[in-house]
PDBML (XML) file of the C-alpha atoms, coordinates in Angstrom:
<?xml version="1.0" encoding="UTF-8" ?>
<PDBx:datablock datablockName="MODEL"
   xmlns:PDBx="http://pdbml.pdb.org/schema/pdbx-v50.xsd"
   xmlns:xsi="http://www.w3.org/2001/XMLSchema-instance"
   xsi:schemaLocation="http://pdbml.pdb.org/schema/pdbx-v50.xsd pdbx-v50.xsd">
   <PDBx:atom_siteCategory>
      <PDBx:atom_site id="1">
         <PDBx:B_iso_or_equiv>0.00</PDBx:B_iso_or_equiv>
         <PDBx:Cartn_x>-4.508</PDBx:Cartn_x>
         <PDBx:Cartn_y>-11.279</PDBx:Cartn_y>
         <PDBx:Cartn_z>3.166</PDBx:Cartn_z>
         <PDBx:auth_asym_id>A</PDBx:auth_asym_id>
         <PDBx:auth_atom_id>CA</PDBx:auth_atom_id>
         <PDBx:auth_comp_id>GLY</PDBx:auth_comp_id>
         <PDBx:auth_seq_id>1</PDBx:auth_seq_id>
         <PDBx:group_PDB>ATOM</PDBx:group_PDB>
         <PDBx:label_alt_id xsi:nil="true" />
         <PDBx:label_asym_id>A</PDBx:label_asym_id>
         <PDBx:label_atom_id>CA</PDBx:label_atom_id>
         <PDBx:label_comp_id>GLY</PDBx:label_comp_id>
         <PDBx:label_entity_id>1</PDBx:label_entity_id>
         <PDBx:label_seq_id>1</PDBx:label_seq_id>
         <PDBx:occupancy>1.00</PDBx:occupancy>
         <PDBx:pdbx_PDB_model_num>1</PDBx:pdbx_PDB_model_num>
         <PDBx:type_symbol>C</PDBx:type_symbol>
      </PDBx:atom_site>
      <PDBx:atom_site id="2">
         <PDBx:B_iso_or_equiv>0.00</PDBx:B_iso_or_equiv>
         <PDBx:Cartn_x>-3.322</PDBx:Cartn_x>
         <PDBx:Cartn_y>-11.017</PDBx:Cartn_y>
         <PDBx:Cartn_z>6.629</PDBx:Cartn_z>
         <PDBx:auth_asym_id>A</PDBx:auth_asym_id>
         <PDBx:auth_atom_id>CA</PDBx:auth_atom_id>
         <PDBx:auth_comp_id>VAL</PDBx:auth_comp_id>
         <PDBx:auth_seq_id>2</PDBx:auth_seq_id>
         <PDBx:group_PDB>ATOM</PDBx:group_PDB>
         <PDBx:label_alt_id xsi:nil="true" />
         <PDBx:label_asym_id>A</PDBx:label_asym_id>
         <PDBx:label_atom_id>CA</PDBx:label_atom_id>
         <PDBx:label_comp_id>VAL</PDBx:label_comp_id>
         <PDBx:label_entity_id>1</PDBx:label_entity_id>
         <PDBx:label_seq_id>2</PDBx:label_seq_id>
         <PDBx:occupancy>1.00</PDBx:occupancy>
         <PDBx:pdbx_PDB_model_num>1</PDBx:pdbx_PDB_model_num>
         <PDBx:type_symbol>C</PDBx:type_symbol>
      </PDBx:atom_site>
      <PDBx:atom_site id="3">
         <PDBx:B_iso_or_equiv>0.00</PDBx:B_iso_or_equiv>
         <PDBx:Cartn_x>-4.380</PDBx:Cartn_x>
         <PDBx:Cartn_y>-7.222</PDBx:Cartn_y>
         <PDBx:Cartn_z>6.064</PDBx:Cartn_z>
         <PDBx:auth_asym_id>A</PDBx:auth_asym_id>
         <PDBx:auth_atom_id>CA</PDBx:auth_atom_id>
         <PDBx:auth_comp_id>VAL</PDBx:auth_comp_id>
         <PDBx:auth_seq_id>3</PDBx:auth_seq_id>
         <PDBx:group_PDB>ATOM</PDBx:group_PDB>
         <PDBx:label_alt_id xsi:nil="true" />
         <PDBx:label_asym_id>A</PDBx:label_asym_id>
         <PDBx:label_atom_id>CA</PDBx:label_atom_id>
         <PDBx:label_comp_id>VAL</PDBx:label_comp_id>
         <PDBx:label_entity_id>1</PDBx:label_entity_id>
         <PDBx:label_seq_id>3</PDBx:label_seq_id>
         <PDBx:occupancy>1.00</PDBx:occupancy>
         <PDBx:pdbx_PDB_model_num>1</PDBx:pdbx_PDB_model_num>
         <PDBx:type_symbol>C</PDBx:type_symbol>
      </PDBx:atom_site>
      <PDBx:atom_site id="4">
         <PDBx:B_iso_or_equiv>0.00</PDBx:B_iso_or_equiv>
         <PDBx:Cartn_x>-6.371</PDBx:Cartn_x>
         <PDBx:Cartn_y>-5.527</PDBx:Cartn_y>
         <PDBx:Cartn_z>3.790</PDBx:Cartn_z>
         <PDBx:auth_asym_id>A</PDBx:auth_asym_id>
         <PDBx:auth_atom_id>CA</PDBx:auth_atom_id>
         <PDBx:auth_comp_id>ASP</PDBx:auth_comp_id>
         <PDBx:auth_seq_id>4</PDBx:auth_seq_id>
         <PDBx:group_PDB>ATOM</PDBx:group_PDB>
         <PDBx:label_alt_id xsi:nil="true" />
         <PDBx:label_asym_id>A</PDBx:label_asym_id>
         <PDBx:label_atom_id>CA</PDBx:label_atom_id>
         <PDBx:label_comp_id>ASP</PDBx:label_comp_id>
         <PDBx:label_entity_id>1</PDBx:label_entity_id>
         <PDBx:label_seq_id>4</PDBx:label_seq_id>
         <PDBx:occupancy>1.00</PDBx:occupancy>
         <PDBx:pdbx_PDB_model_num>1</PDBx:pdbx_PDB_model_num>
         <PDBx:type_symbol>C</PDBx:type_symbol>
      </PDBx:atom_site>
      <PDBx:atom_site id="5">
         <PDBx:B_iso_or_equiv>0.00</PDBx:B_iso_or_equiv>
         <PDBx:Cartn_x>-5.700</PDBx:Cartn_x>
         <PDBx:Cartn_y>-1.745</PDBx:Cartn_y>
         <PDBx:Cartn_z>4.313</PDBx:Cartn_z>
         <PDBx:auth_asym_id>A</PDBx:auth_asym_id>
         <PDBx:auth_atom_id>CA</PDBx:auth_atom_id>
         <PDBx:auth_comp_id>ALA</PDBx:auth_comp_id>
         <PDBx:auth_seq_id>5</PDBx:auth_seq_id>
         <PDBx:group_PDB>ATOM</PDBx:group_PDB>
         <PDBx:label_alt_id xsi:nil="true" />
         <PDBx:label_asym_id>A</PDBx:label_asym_id>
         <PDBx:label_atom_id>CA</PDBx:label_atom_id>
         <PDBx:label_comp_id>ALA</PDBx:label_comp_id>
         <PDBx:label_entity_id>1</PDBx:label_entity_id>
         <PDBx:label_seq_id>5</PDBx:label_seq_id>
         <PDBx:occupancy>1.00</PDBx:occupancy>
         <PDBx:pdbx_PDB_model_num>1</PDBx:pdbx_PDB_model_num>
         <PDBx:type_symbol>C</PDBx:type_symbol>
      </PDBx:atom_site>
      <PDBx:atom_site id="6">
         <PDBx:B_iso_or_equiv>0.00</PDBx:B_iso_or_equiv>
         <PDBx:Cartn_x>-2.802</PDBx:Cartn_x>
         <PDBx:Cartn_y>0.310</PDBx:Cartn_y>
         <PDBx:Cartn_z>6.123</PDBx:Cartn_z>
         <PDBx:auth_asym_id>A</PDBx:auth_asym_id>
         <PDBx:auth_atom_id>CA</PDBx:auth_atom_id>
         <PDBx:auth_comp_id>THR</PDBx:auth_comp_id>
         <PDBx:auth_seq_id>6</PDBx:auth_seq_id>
         <PDBx:group_PDB>ATOM</PDBx:group_PDB>
         <PDBx:label_alt_id xsi:nil="true" />
         <PDBx:label_asym_id>A</PDBx:label_asym_id>
         <PDBx:label_atom_id>CA</PDBx:label_atom_id>
         <PDBx:label_comp_id>THR</PDBx:label_comp_id>
         <PDBx:label_entity_id>1</PDBx:label_entity_id>
         <PDBx:label_seq_id>6</PDBx:label_seq_id>
         <PDBx:occupancy>1.00</PDBx:occupancy>
         <PDBx:pdbx_PDB_model_num>1</PDBx:pdbx_PDB_model_num>
         <PDBx:type_symbol>C</PDBx:type_symbol>
      </PDBx:atom_site>
      <PDBx:atom_site id="7">
         <PDBx:B_iso_or_equiv>0.00</PDBx:B_iso_or_equiv>
         <PDBx:Cartn_x>-2.098</PDBx:Cartn_x>
         <PDBx:Cartn_y>4.142</PDBx:Cartn_y>
         <PDBx:Cartn_z>6.867</PDBx:Cartn_z>
         <PDBx:auth_asym_id>A</PDBx:auth_asym_id>
         <PDBx:auth_atom_id>CA</PDBx:auth_atom_id>
         <PDBx:auth_comp_id>GLY</PDBx:auth_comp_id>
         <PDBx:auth_seq_id>7</PDBx:auth_seq_id>
         <PDBx:group_PDB>ATOM</PDBx:group_PDB>
         <PDBx:label_alt_id xsi:nil="true" />
         <PDBx:label_asym_id>A</PDBx:label_asym_id>
         <PDBx:label_atom_id>CA</PDBx:label_atom_id>
         <PDBx:label_comp_id>GLY</PDBx:label_comp_id>
         <PDBx:label_entity_id>1</PDBx:label_entity_id>
         <PDBx:label_seq_id>7</PDBx:label_seq_id>
         <PDBx:occupancy>1.00</PDBx:occupancy>
         <PDBx:pdbx_PDB_model_num>1</PDBx:pdbx_PDB_model_num>
         <PDBx:type_symbol>C</PDBx:type_symbol>
      </PDBx:atom_site>
      <PDBx:atom_site id="8">
         <PDBx:B_iso_or_equiv>0.00</PDBx:B_iso_or_equiv>
         <PDBx:Cartn_x>0.944</PDBx:Cartn_x>
         <PDBx:Cartn_y>5.198</PDBx:Cartn_y>
         <PDBx:Cartn_z>5.021</PDBx:Cartn_z>
         <PDBx:auth_asym_id>A</PDBx:auth_asym_id>
         <PDBx:auth_atom_id>CA</PDBx:auth_atom_id>
         <PDBx:auth_comp_id>TRP</PDBx:auth_comp_id>
         <PDBx:auth_seq_id>8</PDBx:auth_seq_id>
         <PDBx:group_PDB>ATOM</PDBx:group_PDB>
         <PDBx:label_alt_id xsi:nil="true" />
         <PDBx:label_asym_id>A</PDBx:label_asym_id>
         <PDBx:label_atom_id>CA</PDBx:label_atom_id>
         <PDBx:label_comp_id>TRP</PDBx:label_comp_id>
         <PDBx:label_entity_id>1</PDBx:label_entity_id>
         <PDBx:label_seq_id>8</PDBx:label_seq_id>
         <PDBx:occupancy>1.00</PDBx:occupancy>
         <PDBx:pdbx_PDB_model_num>1</PDBx:pdbx_PDB_model_num>
         <PDBx:type_symbol>C</PDBx:type_symbol>
      </PDBx:atom_site>
      <PDBx:atom_site id="9">
         <PDBx:B_iso_or_equiv>0.00</PDBx:B_iso_or_equiv>
         <PDBx:Cartn_x>2.698</PDBx:Cartn_x>
         <PDBx:Cartn_y>8.318</PDBx:Cartn_y>
         <PDBx:Cartn_z>3.699</PDBx:Cartn_z>
         <PDBx:auth_asym_id>A</PDBx:auth_asym_id>
         <PDBx:auth_atom_id>CA</PDBx:auth_atom_id>
         <PDBx:auth_comp_id>THR</PDBx:auth_comp_id>
         <PDBx:auth_seq_id>9</PDBx:auth_seq_id>
         <PDBx:group_PDB>ATOM</PDBx:group_PDB>
         <PDBx:label_alt_id xsi:nil="true" />
         <PDBx:label_asym_id>A</PDBx:label_asym_id>
         <PDBx:label_atom_id>CA</PDBx:label_atom_id>
         <PDBx:label_comp_id>THR</PDBx:label_comp_id>
         <PDBx:label_entity_id>1</PDBx:label_entity_id>
         <PDBx:label_seq_id>9</PDBx:label_seq_id>
         <PDBx:occupancy>1.00</PDBx:occupancy>
         <PDBx:pdbx_PDB_model_num>1</PDBx:pdbx_PDB_model_num>
         <PDBx:type_symbol>C</PDBx:type_symbol>
      </PDBx:atom_site>
      <PDBx:atom_site id="10">
         <PDBx:B_iso_or_equiv>0.00</PDBx:B_iso_or_equiv>
         <PDBx:Cartn_x>1.453</PDBx:Cartn_x>
         <PDBx:Cartn_y>10.216</PDBx:Cartn_y>
         <PDBx:Cartn_z>0.437</PDBx:Cartn_z>
         <PDBx:auth_asym_id>A</PDBx:auth_asym_id>
         <PDBx:auth_atom_id>CA</PDBx:auth_atom_id>
         <PDBx:auth_comp_id>GLN</PDBx:auth_comp_id>
         <PDBx:auth_seq_id>10</PDBx:auth_seq_id>
         <PDBx:group_PDB>ATOM</PDBx:group_PDB>
         <PDBx:label_alt_id xsi:nil="true" />
         <PDBx:label_asym_id>A</PDBx:label_asym_id>
         <PDBx:label_atom_id>CA</PDBx:label_atom_id>
         <PDBx:label_comp_id>GLN</PDBx:label_comp_id>
         <PDBx:label_entity_id>1</PDBx:label_entity_id>
         <PDBx:label_seq_id>10</PDBx:label_seq_id>
         <PDBx:occupancy>1.00</PDBx:occupancy>
         <PDBx:pdbx_PDB_model_num>1</PDBx:pdbx_PDB_model_num>
         <PDBx:type_symbol>C</PDBx:type_symbol>
      </PDBx:atom_site>
      <PDBx:atom_site id="11">
         <PDBx:B_iso_or_equiv>0.00</PDBx:B_iso_or_equiv>
         <PDBx:Cartn_x>4.982</PDBx:Cartn_x>
         <PDBx:Cartn_y>8.838</PDBx:Cartn_y>
         <PDBx:Cartn_z>-0.850</PDBx:Cartn_z>
         <PDBx:auth_asym_id>A</PDBx:auth_asym_id>
         <PDBx:auth_atom_id>CA</PDBx:auth_atom_id>
         <PDBx:auth_comp_id>ILE</PDBx:auth_comp_id>
         <PDBx:auth_seq_id>11</PDBx:auth_seq_id>
         <PDBx:group_PDB>ATOM</PDBx:group_PDB>
         <PDBx:label_alt_id xsi:nil="true" />
         <PDBx:label_asym_id>A</PDBx:label_asym_id>
         <PDBx:label_atom_id>CA</PDBx:label_atom_id>
         <PDBx:label_comp_id>ILE</PDBx:label_comp_id>
         <PDBx:label_entity_id>1</PDBx:label_entity_id>
         <PDBx:label_seq_id>11</PDBx:label_seq_id>
         <PDBx:occupancy>1.00</PDBx:occupancy>
         <PDBx:pdbx_PDB_model_num>1</PDBx:pdbx_PDB_model_num>
         <PDBx:type_symbol>C</PDBx:type_symbol>
      </PDBx:atom_site>
      <PDBx:atom_site id="12">
         <PDBx:B_iso_or_equiv>0.00</PDBx:B_iso_or_equiv>
         <PDBx:Cartn_x>7.208</PDBx:Cartn_x>
         <PDBx:Cartn_y>5.520</PDBx:Cartn_y>
         <PDBx:Cartn_z>-1.358</PDBx:Cartn_z>
         <PDBx:auth_asym_id>A</PDBx:auth_asym_id>
         <PDBx:auth_atom_id>CA</PDBx:auth_atom_id>
         <PDBx:auth_comp_id>GLY</PDBx:auth_comp_id>
         <PDBx:auth_seq_id>12</PDBx:auth_seq_id>
         <PDBx:group_PDB>ATOM</PDBx:group_PDB>
         <PDBx:label_alt_id xsi:nil="true" />
         <PDBx:label_asym_id>A</PDBx:label_asym_id>
         <PDBx:label_atom_id>CA</PDBx:label_atom_id>
         <PDBx:label_comp_id>GLY</PDBx:label_comp_id>
         <PDBx:label_entity_id>1</PDBx:label_entity_id>
         <PDBx:label_seq_id>12</PDBx:label_seq_id>
         <PDBx:occupancy>1.00</PDBx:occupancy>
         <PDBx:pdbx_PDB_model_num>1</PDBx:pdbx_PDB_model_num>
         <PDBx:type_symbol>C</PDBx:type_symbol>
      </PDBx:atom_site>
      <PDBx:atom_site id="13">
         <PDBx:B_iso_or_equiv>0.00</PDBx:B_iso_or_equiv>
         <PDBx:Cartn_x>3.531</PDBx:Cartn_x>
         <PDBx:Cartn_y>3.184</PDBx:Cartn_y>
         <PDBx:Cartn_z>-1.822</PDBx:Cartn_z>
         <PDBx:auth_asym_id>A</PDBx:auth_asym_id>
         <PDBx:auth_atom_id>CA</PDBx:auth_atom_id>
         <PDBx:auth_comp_id>LEU</PDBx:auth_comp_id>
         <PDBx:auth_seq_id>13</PDBx:auth_seq_id>
         <PDBx:group_PDB>ATOM</PDBx:group_PDB>
         <PDBx:label_alt_id xsi:nil="true" />
         <PDBx:label_asym_id>A</PDBx:label_asym_id>
         <PDBx:label_atom_id>CA</PDBx:label_atom_id>
         <PDBx:label_comp_id>LEU</PDBx:label_comp_id>
         <PDBx:label_entity_id>1</PDBx:label_entity_id>
         <PDBx:label_seq_id>13</PDBx:label_seq_id>
         <PDBx:occupancy>1.00</PDBx:occupancy>
         <PDBx:pdbx_PDB_model_num>1</PDBx:pdbx_PDB_model_num>
         <PDBx:type_symbol>C</PDBx:type_symbol>
      </PDBx:atom_site>
      <PDBx:atom_site id="14">
         <PDBx:B_iso_or_equiv>0.00</PDBx:B_iso_or_equiv>
         <PDBx:Cartn_x>5.274</PDBx:Cartn_x>
         <PDBx:Cartn_y>2.240</PDBx:Cartn_y>
         <PDBx:Cartn_z>-5.202</PDBx:Cartn_z>
         <PDBx:auth_asym_id>A</PDBx:auth_asym_id>
         <PDBx:auth_atom_id>CA</PDBx:auth_atom_id>
         <PDBx:auth_comp_id>ILE</PDBx:auth_comp_id>
         <PDBx:auth_seq_id>14</PDBx:auth_seq_id>
         <PDBx:group_PDB>ATOM</PDBx:group_PDB>
         <PDBx:label_alt_id xsi:nil="true" />
         <PDBx:label_asym_id>A</PDBx:label_asym_id>
         <PDBx:label_atom_id>CA</PDBx:label_atom_id>
         <PDBx:label_comp_id>ILE</PDBx:label_comp_id>
         <PDBx:label_entity_id>1</PDBx:label_entity_id>
         <PDBx:label_seq_id>14</PDBx:label_seq_id>
         <PDBx:occupancy>1.00</PDBx:occupancy>
         <PDBx:pdbx_PDB_model_num>1</PDBx:pdbx_PDB_model_num>
         <PDBx:type_symbol>C</PDBx:type_symbol>
      </PDBx:atom_site>
      <PDBx:atom_site id="15">
         <PDBx:B_iso_or_equiv>0.00</PDBx:B_iso_or_equiv>
         <PDBx:Cartn_x>8.850</PDBx:Cartn_x>
         <PDBx:Cartn_y>1.705</PDBx:Cartn_y>
         <PDBx:Cartn_z>-3.789</PDBx:Cartn_z>
         <PDBx:auth_asym_id>A</PDBx:auth_asym_id>
         <PDBx:auth_atom_id>CA</PDBx:auth_atom_id>
         <PDBx:auth_comp_id>ASP</PDBx:auth_comp_id>
         <PDBx:auth_seq_id>15</PDBx:auth_seq_id>
         <PDBx:group_PDB>ATOM</PDBx:group_PDB>
         <PDBx:label_alt_id xsi:nil="true" />
         <PDBx:label_asym_id>A</PDBx:label_asym_id>
         <PDBx:label_atom_id>CA</PDBx:label_atom_id>
         <PDBx:label_comp_id>ASP</PDBx:label_comp_id>
         <PDBx:label_entity_id>1</PDBx:label_entity_id>
         <PDBx:label_seq_id>15</PDBx:label_seq_id>
         <PDBx:occupancy>1.00</PDBx:occupancy>
         <PDBx:pdbx_PDB_model_num>1</PDBx:pdbx_PDB_model_num>
         <PDBx:type_symbol>C</PDBx:type_symbol>
      </PDBx:atom_site>
      <PDBx:atom_site id="16">
         <PDBx:B_iso_or_equiv>0.00</PDBx:B_iso_or_equiv>
         <PDBx:Cartn_x>7.212</PDBx:Cartn_x>
         <PDBx:Cartn_y>-0.961</PDBx:Cartn_y>
         <PDBx:Cartn_z>-1.591</PDBx:Cartn_z>
         <PDBx:auth_asym_id>A</PDBx:auth_asym_id>
         <PDBx:auth_atom_id>CA</PDBx:auth_atom_id>
         <PDBx:auth_comp_id>LEU</PDBx:auth_comp_id>
         <PDBx:auth_seq_id>16</PDBx:auth_seq_id>
         <PDBx:group_PDB>ATOM</PDBx:group_PDB>
         <PDBx:label_alt_id xsi:nil="true" />
         <PDBx:label_asym_id>A</PDBx:label_asym_id>
         <PDBx:label_atom_id>CA</PDBx:label_atom_id>
         <PDBx:label_comp_id>LEU</PDBx:label_comp_id>
         <PDBx:label_entity_id>1</PDBx:label_entity_id>
         <PDBx:label_seq_id>16</PDBx:label_seq_id>
         <PDBx:occupancy>1.00</PDBx:occupancy>
         <PDBx:pdbx_PDB_model_num>1</PDBx:pdbx_PDB_model_num>
         <PDBx:type_symbol>C</PDBx:type_symbol>
      </PDBx:atom_site>
      <PDBx:atom_site id="17">
         <PDBx:B_iso_or_equiv>0.00</PDBx:B_iso_or_equiv>
         <PDBx:Cartn_x>5.343</PDBx:Cartn_x>
         <PDBx:Cartn_y>-2.288</PDBx:Cartn_y>
         <PDBx:Cartn_z>-4.076</PDBx:Cartn_z>
         <PDBx:auth_asym_id>A</PDBx:auth_asym_id>
         <PDBx:auth_atom_id>CA</PDBx:auth_atom_id>
         <PDBx:auth_comp_id>LYS</PDBx:auth_comp_id>
         <PDBx:auth_seq_id>17</PDBx:auth_seq_id>
         <PDBx:group_PDB>ATOM</PDBx:group_PDB>
         <PDBx:label_alt_id xsi:nil="true" />
         <PDBx:label_asym_id>A</PDBx:label_asym_id>
         <PDBx:label_atom_id>CA</PDBx:label_atom_id>
         <PDBx:label_comp_id>LYS</PDBx:label_comp_id>
         <PDBx:label_entity_id>1</PDBx:label_entity_id>
         <PDBx:label_seq_id>17</PDBx:label_seq_id>
         <PDBx:occupancy>1.00</PDBx:occupancy>
         <PDBx:pdbx_PDB_model_num>1</PDBx:pdbx_PDB_model_num>
         <PDBx:type_symbol>C</PDBx:type_symbol>
      </PDBx:atom_site>
      <PDBx:atom_site id="18">
         <PDBx:B_iso_or_equiv>0.00</PDBx:B_iso_or_equiv>
         <PDBx:Cartn_x>2.327</PDBx:Cartn_x>
         <PDBx:Cartn_y>-2.131</PDBx:Cartn_y>
         <PDBx:Cartn_z>-2.104</PDBx:Cartn_z>
         <PDBx:auth_asym_id>A</PDBx:auth_asym_id>
         <PDBx:auth_atom_id>CA</PDBx:auth_atom_id>
         <PDBx:auth_comp_id>TRP</PDBx:auth_comp_id>
         <PDBx:auth_seq_id>18</PDBx:auth_seq_id>
         <PDBx:group_PDB>ATOM</PDBx:group_PDB>
         <PDBx:label_alt_id xsi:nil="true" />
         <PDBx:label_asym_id>A</PDBx:label_asym_id>
         <PDBx:label_atom_id>CA</PDBx:label_atom_id>
         <PDBx:label_comp_id>TRP</PDBx:label_comp_id>
         <PDBx:label_entity_id>1</PDBx:label_entity_id>
         <PDBx:label_seq_id>18</PDBx:label_seq_id>
         <PDBx:occupancy>1.00</PDBx:occupancy>
         <PDBx:pdbx_PDB_model_num>1</PDBx:pdbx_PDB_model_num>
         <PDBx:type_symbol>C</PDBx:type_symbol>
      </PDBx:atom_site>
      <PDBx:atom_site id="19">
         <PDBx:B_iso_or_equiv>0.00</PDBx:B_iso_or_equiv>
         <PDBx:Cartn_x>0.383</PDBx:Cartn_x>
         <PDBx:Cartn_y>-0.485</PDBx:Cartn_y>
         <PDBx:Cartn_z>-5.011</PDBx:Cartn_z>
         <PDBx:auth_asym_id>A</PDBx:auth_asym_id>
         <PDBx:auth_atom_id>CA</PDBx:auth_atom_id>
         <PDBx:auth_comp_id>ASN</PDBx:auth_comp_id>
         <PDBx:auth_seq_id>19</PDBx:auth_seq_id>
         <PDBx:group_PDB>ATOM</PDBx:group_PDB>
         <PDBx:label_alt_id xsi:nil="true" />
         <PDBx:label_asym_id>A</PDBx:label_asym_id>
         <PDBx:label_atom_id>CA</PDBx:label_atom_id>
         <PDBx:label_comp_id>ASN</PDBx:label_comp_id>
         <PDBx:label_entity_id>1</PDBx:label_entity_id>
         <PDBx:label_seq_id>19</PDBx:label_seq_id>
         <PDBx:occupancy>1.00</PDBx:occupancy>
         <PDBx:pdbx_PDB_model_num>1</PDBx:pdbx_PDB_model_num>
         <PDBx:type_symbol>C</PDBx:type_symbol>
      </PDBx:atom_site>
      <PDBx:atom_site id="20">
         <PDBx:B_iso_or_equiv>0.00</PDBx:B_iso_or_equiv>
         <PDBx:Cartn_x>0.138</PDBx:Cartn_x>
         <PDBx:Cartn_y>-4.120</PDBx:Cartn_y>
         <PDBx:Cartn_z>-6.336</PDBx:Cartn_z>
         <PDBx:auth_asym_id>A</PDBx:auth_asym_id>
         <PDBx:auth_atom_id>CA</PDBx:auth_atom_id>
         <PDBx:auth_comp_id>GLU</PDBx:auth_comp_id>
         <PDBx:auth_seq_id>20</PDBx:auth_seq_id>
         <PDBx:group_PDB>ATOM</PDBx:group_PDB>
         <PDBx:label_alt_id xsi:nil="true" />
         <PDBx:label_asym_id>A</PDBx:label_asym_id>
         <PDBx:label_atom_id>CA</PDBx:label_atom_id>
         <PDBx:label_comp_id>GLU</PDBx:label_comp_id>
         <PDBx:label_entity_id>1</PDBx:label_entity_id>
         <PDBx:label_seq_id>20</PDBx:label_seq_id>
         <PDBx:occupancy>1.00</PDBx:occupancy>
         <PDBx:pdbx_PDB_model_num>1</PDBx:pdbx_PDB_model_num>
         <PDBx:type_symbol>C</PDBx:type_symbol>
      </PDBx:atom_site>
      <PDBx:atom_site id="21">
         <PDBx:B_iso_or_equiv>0.00</PDBx:B_iso_or_equiv>
         <PDBx:Cartn_x>-2.683</PDBx:Cartn_x>
         <PDBx:Cartn_y>-4.683</PDBx:Cartn_y>
         <PDBx:Cartn_z>-3.685</PDBx:Cartn_z>
         <PDBx:auth_asym_id>A</PDBx:auth_asym_id>
         <PDBx:auth_atom_id>CA</PDBx:auth_atom_id>
         <PDBx:auth_comp_id>PHE</PDBx:auth_comp_id>
         <PDBx:auth_seq_id>21</PDBx:auth_seq_id>
         <PDBx:group_PDB>ATOM</PDBx:group_PDB>
         <PDBx:label_alt_id xsi:nil="true" />
         <PDBx:label_asym_id>A</PDBx:label_asym_id>
         <PDBx:label_atom_id>CA</PDBx:label_atom_id>
         <PDBx:label_comp_id>PHE</PDBx:label_comp_id>
         <PDBx:label_entity_id>1</PDBx:label_entity_id>
         <PDBx:label_seq_id>21</PDBx:label_seq_id>
         <PDBx:occupancy>1.00</PDBx:occupancy>
         <PDBx:pdbx_PDB_model_num>1</PDBx:pdbx_PDB_model_num>
         <PDBx:type_symbol>C</PDBx:type_symbol>
      </PDBx:atom_site>
      <PDBx:atom_site id="22">
         <PDBx:B_iso_or_equiv>0.00</PDBx:B_iso_or_equiv>
         <PDBx:Cartn_x>-3.990</PDBx:Cartn_x>
         <PDBx:Cartn_y>-1.395</PDBx:Cartn_y>
         <PDBx:Cartn_z>-2.620</PDBx:Cartn_z>
         <PDBx:auth_asym_id>A</PDBx:auth_asym_id>
         <PDBx:auth_atom_id>CA</PDBx:auth_atom_id>
         <PDBx:auth_comp_id>LEU</PDBx:auth_comp_id>
         <PDBx:auth_seq_id>22</PDBx:auth_seq_id>
         <PDBx:group_PDB>ATOM</PDBx:group_PDB>
         <PDBx:label_alt_id xsi:nil="true" />
         <PDBx:label_asym_id>A</PDBx:label_asym_id>
         <PDBx:label_atom_id>CA</PDBx:label_atom_id>
         <PDBx:label_comp_id>LEU</PDBx:label_comp_id>
         <PDBx:label_entity_id>1</PDBx:label_entity_id>
         <PDBx:label_seq_id>22</PDBx:label_seq_id>
         <PDBx:occupancy>1.00</PDBx:occupancy>
         <PDBx:pdbx_PDB_model_num>1</PDBx:pdbx_PDB_model_num>
         <PDBx:type_symbol>C</PDBx:type_symbol>
      </PDBx:atom_site>
      <PDBx:atom_site id="23">
         <PDBx:B_iso_or_equiv>0.00</PDBx:B_iso_or_equiv>
         <PDBx:Cartn_x>-6.637</PDBx:Cartn_x>
         <PDBx:Cartn_y>0.002</PDBx:Cartn_y>
         <PDBx:Cartn_z>-4.661</PDBx:Cartn_z>
         <PDBx:auth_asym_id>A</PDBx:auth_asym_id>
         <PDBx:auth_atom_id>CA</PDBx:auth_atom_id>
         <PDBx:auth_comp_id>ASN</PDBx:auth_comp_id>
         <PDBx:auth_seq_id>23</PDBx:auth_seq_id>
         <PDBx:group_PDB>ATOM</PDBx:group_PDB>
         <PDBx:label_alt_id xsi:nil="true" />
         <PDBx:label_asym_id>A</PDBx:label_asym_id>
         <PDBx:label_atom_id>CA</PDBx:label_atom_id>
         <PDBx:label_comp_id>ASN</PDBx:label_comp_id>
         <PDBx:label_entity_id>1</PDBx:label_entity_id>
         <PDBx:label_seq_id>23</PDBx:label_seq_id>
         <PDBx:occupancy>1.00</PDBx:occupancy>
         <PDBx:pdbx_PDB_model_num>1</PDBx:pdbx_PDB_model_num>
         <PDBx:type_symbol>C</PDBx:type_symbol>
      </PDBx:atom_site>
      <PDBx:atom_site id="24">
         <PDBx:B_iso_or_equiv>0.00</PDBx:B_iso_or_equiv>
         <PDBx:Cartn_x>-7.851</PDBx:Cartn_x>
         <PDBx:Cartn_y>3.182</PDBx:Cartn_y>
         <PDBx:Cartn_z>-3.003</PDBx:Cartn_z>
         <PDBx:auth_asym_id>A</PDBx:auth_asym_id>
         <PDBx:auth_atom_id>CA</PDBx:auth_atom_id>
         <PDBx:auth_comp_id>TYR</PDBx:auth_comp_id>
         <PDBx:auth_seq_id>24</PDBx:auth_seq_id>
         <PDBx:group_PDB>ATOM</PDBx:group_PDB>
         <PDBx:label_alt_id xsi:nil="true" />
         <PDBx:label_asym_id>A</PDBx:label_asym_id>
         <PDBx:label_atom_id>CA</PDBx:label_atom_id>
         <PDBx:label_comp_id>TYR</PDBx:label_comp_id>
         <PDBx:label_entity_id>1</PDBx:label_entity_id>
         <PDBx:label_seq_id>24</PDBx:label_seq_id>
         <PDBx:occupancy>1.00</PDBx:occupancy>
         <PDBx:pdbx_PDB_model_num>1</PDBx:pdbx_PDB_model_num>
         <PDBx:type_symbol>C</PDBx:type_symbol>
      </PDBx:atom_site>
   </PDBx:atom_siteCategory>
</PDBx:datablock>
Protein backbone atom coordinates (compact mmCIF):
# COMPACT_ATOMS: atom_id res chain seq x y z
CA GLY A 1 0.00 0.00 0.00
CA VAL A 2 2.97 2.35 -0.39
CA VAL A 3 1.56 3.30 -3.81
CA ASP A 4 -1.89 2.81 -5.29
CA ALA A 5 -1.33 4.07 -8.83
CA THR A 6 1.42 4.09 -11.42
CA GLY A 7 2.22 5.01 -14.95
CA TRP A 8 3.19 2.06 -17.11
CA THR A 9 3.17 1.05 -20.74
CA GLN A 10 0.22 -0.64 -22.40
CA ILE A 11 2.15 -3.91 -22.23
CA GLY A 12 3.76 -5.82 -19.39
CA LEU A 13 1.42 -5.29 -16.45
CA ILE A 14 0.60 -9.01 -16.40
CA ASP A 15 4.27 -10.00 -16.72
CA LEU A 16 5.00 -7.90 -13.64
CA LYS A 17 1.87 -9.17 -11.84
CA TRP A 18 0.85 -5.62 -10.96
CA ASN A 19 -2.65 -6.48 -12.15
CA GLU A 20 -3.07 -8.30 -8.84
CA PHE A 21 -3.50 -4.83 -7.29
CA LEU A 22 -4.44 -2.44 -10.09
CA ASN A 23 -8.04 -2.41 -11.28
CA TYR A 24 -8.45 0.62 -13.56
